[in-house]
Amino acid sequence: MQRPYNDPIYRRATATLKANPQPCALQLHGCTGQADTLDHQPRITDHTHQRGTRCCTLVPACKACNSSDGATAGNRTRSTGYTWP
């Protein structure tokens, strides 16, 4: 199975974004305003990516927002085992 980030559609969209800068669509805390990555909606971790089915929408996002969104999702799914005193 091909990884979603190696998908030719994703690679073409990334090249297009680099050639034609876009504003960040996520606008989360710490946003730089300028998109330099593409965010999969829904998240790759939330579904099984199937090439050619249009299961994802690629949204322009700055690295800060894209990383923050992924980290938030990951933190929600993990339990640290820590309890507050």
C-alpha atoms as a PDB file:
ATOM      1  CA  MET A   1       0.000   0.000   0.000  1.00  0.00           C
ATOM      2  CA  GLN A   2       1.330   3.395  -0.954  1.00  0.00           C
ATOM      3  CA  ARG A   3       1.680   5.944   1.849  1.00  0.00           C
ATOM      4  CA  PRO A   4      -0.631   8.967   1.465  1.00  0.00           C
ATOM      5  CA  TYR A   5       2.310  11.381   1.371  1.00  0.00           C
ATOM      6  CA  ASN A   6       3.818   9.533  -1.603  1.00  0.00           C
ATOM      7  CA  ASP A   7       0.577   9.757  -3.552  1.00  0.00           C
ATOM      8  CA  PRO A   8       1.147  11.566  -6.889  1.00  0.00           C
ATOM      9  CA  ILE A   9      -1.896  13.786  -6.238  1.00  0.00           C
ATOM     10  CA  TYR A  10      -0.433  14.909  -2.904  1.00  0.00           C
ATOM     11  CA  ARG A  11       2.977  15.541  -4.491  1.00  0.00           C
ATOM     12  CA  ARG A  12       1.429  17.627  -7.305  1.00  0.00           C
ATOM     13  CA  ALA A  13      -0.636  19.628  -4.824  1.00  0.00           C
ATOM     14  CA  THR A  14       2.476  20.294  -2.725  1.00  0.00           C
ATOM     15  CA  ALA A  15       4.368  21.512  -5.803  1.00  0.00           C
ATOM     16  CA  THR A  16       1.431  23.750  -6.743  1.00  0.00           C
ATOM     17  CA  LEU A  17       1.339  25.218  -3.234  1.00  0.00           C
ATOM     18  CA  LYS A  18       5.063  26.031  -3.403  1.00  0.00           C
ATOM     19  CA  ALA A  19       4.604  27.708  -6.795  1.00  0.00           C
ATOM     20  CA  ASN A  20       1.435  29.585  -5.748  1.00  0.00           C
ATOM     21  CA  PRO A  21       1.573  30.508  -2.044  1.00  0.00           C
ATOM     22  CA  GLN A  22      -1.726  30.404  -0.157  1.00  0.00           C
ATOM     23  CA  PRO A  23      -2.843  31.669   3.255  1.00  0.00           C
ATOM     24  CA  CYS A  24      -3.106  29.114   6.048  1.00  0.00           C
ATOM     25  CA  ALA A  25      -6.660  27.760   6.212  1.00  0.00           C
ATOM     26  CA  LEU A  26      -6.409  26.462   9.802  1.00  0.00           C
ATOM     27  CA  GLN A  27      -5.463  29.693  11.641  1.00  0.00           C
ATOM     28  CA  LEU A  28      -4.677  27.959  14.955  1.00  0.00           C
ATOM     29  CA  HIS A  29      -2.677  29.421  17.838  1.00  0.00           C
ATOM     30  CA  GLY A  30       0.849  30.198  16.639  1.00  0.00           C
ATOM     31  CA  CYS A  31      -0.192  30.448  12.971  1.00  0.00           C
ATOM     32  CA  THR A  32       2.365  32.065  10.664  1.00  0.00           C
ATOM     33  CA  GLY A  33      -0.351  32.955   8.137  1.00  0.00           C
ATOM     34  CA  GLN A  34       1.485  31.521   5.111  1.00  0.00           C
ATOM     35  CA  ALA A  35       0.724  27.921   4.101  1.00  0.00           C
ATOM     36  CA  ASP A  36       3.798  25.798   3.432  1.00  0.00           C
ATOM     37  CA  THR A  37       2.274  22.333   3.973  1.00  0.00           C
ATOM     38  CA  LEU A  38      -0.940  20.505   3.131  1.00  0.00           C
ATOM     39  CA  ASP A  39      -3.207  19.139   5.830  1.00  0.00           C
ATOM     40  CA  HIS A  40      -5.335  16.053   5.143  1.00  0.00           C
ATOM     41  CA  GLN A  41      -8.973  16.450   6.140  1.00  0.00           C
ATOM     42  CA  PRO A  42     -10.058  14.141   7.672  1.00  0.00           C
ATOM     43  CA  ARG A  43      -6.780  13.278   9.379  1.00  0.00           C
ATOM     44  CA  ILE A  44      -4.832  10.318   8.018  1.00  0.00           C
ATOM     45  CA  THR A  45      -5.070   8.718  11.471  1.00  0.00           C
ATOM     46  CA  ASP A  46      -8.876   9.013  11.442  1.00  0.00           C
ATOM     47  CA  HIS A  47      -9.527   6.934   8.331  1.00  0.00           C
ATOM     48  CA  THR A  48      -8.033   4.455   5.893  1.00  0.00           C
ATOM     49  CA  HIS A  49      -6.611   6.421   2.982  1.00  0.00           C
ATOM     50  CA  GLN A  50      -7.626   4.938  -0.365  1.00  0.00           C
ATOM     51  CA  ARG A  51      -5.907   6.436  -3.363  1.00  0.00           C
ATOM     52  CA  GLY A  52      -8.185   7.755  -6.083  1.00  0.00           C
ATOM     53  CA  THR A  53     -11.363   7.705  -3.964  1.00  0.00           C
ATOM     54  CA  ARG A  54     -11.201  11.369  -2.948  1.00  0.00           C
ATOM     55  CA  CYS A  55     -11.457  10.299   0.688  1.00  0.00           C
ATOM     56  CA  CYS A  56      -9.361  13.327   1.692  1.00  0.00           C
ATOM     57  CA  THR A  57      -9.393  17.024   1.079  1.00  0.00           C
ATOM     58  CA  LEU A  58      -5.994  18.717   1.066  1.00  0.00           C
ATOM     59  CA  VAL A  59      -6.110  22.026   2.937  1.00  0.00           C
ATOM     60  CA  PRO A  60      -3.263  24.570   2.788  1.00  0.00           C
ATOM     61  CA  ALA A  61      -1.752  25.037   6.244  1.00  0.00           C
ATOM     62  CA  CYS A  62       1.372  26.515   7.802  1.00  0.00           C
ATOM     63  CA  LYS A  63       3.703  24.020   9.458  1.00  0.00           C
ATOM     64  CA  ALA A  64       2.874  25.365  12.937  1.00  0.00           C
ATOM     65  CA  CYS A  65      -0.877  24.796  12.502  1.00  0.00           C
ATOM     66  CA  ASN A  66      -0.461  21.441  10.759  1.00  0.00           C
ATOM     67  CA  SER A  67       1.842  20.158  13.510  1.00  0.00           C
ATOM     68  CA  SER A  68      -0.363  21.556  16.263  1.00  0.00           C
ATOM     69  CA  ASP A  69      -3.491  19.967  14.797  1.00  0.00           C
ATOM     70  CA  GLY A  70      -1.787  16.570  14.511  1.00  0.00           C
ATOM     71  CA  ALA A  71      -0.311  16.783  18.002  1.00  0.00           C
ATOM     72  CA  THR A  72      -3.681  17.681  19.486  1.00  0.00           C
ATOM     73  CA  ALA A  73      -5.282  14.668  17.818  1.00  0.00           C
ATOM     74  CA  GLY A  74      -2.476  12.368  18.952  1.00  0.00           C
ATOM     75  CA  ASN A  75      -2.605  13.619  22.513  1.00  0.00           C
ATOM     76  CA  ARG A  76      -6.349  12.996  22.637  1.00  0.00           C
ATOM     77  CA  THR A  77      -5.884   9.352  21.659  1.00  0.00           C
ATOM     78  CA  ARG A  78      -3.046   8.615  24.072  1.00  0.00           C
ATOM     79  CA  SER A  79      -3.345   8.197  27.782  1.00  0.00           C
ATOM     80  CA  THR A  80      -0.347   9.281  29.826  1.00  0.00           C
ATOM     81  CA  GLY A  81      -1.433   7.381  32.908  1.00  0.00           C
ATOM     82  CA  TYR A  82      -0.813  10.530  34.944  1.00  0.00           C
ATOM     83  CA  THR A  83      -3.479  11.670  37.366  1.00  0.00           C
ATOM     84  CA  TRP A  84      -3.532  15.022  39.083  1.00  0.00           C
ATOM     85  CA  PRO A  85      -2.936  14.904  42.839  1.00  0.00           C
END
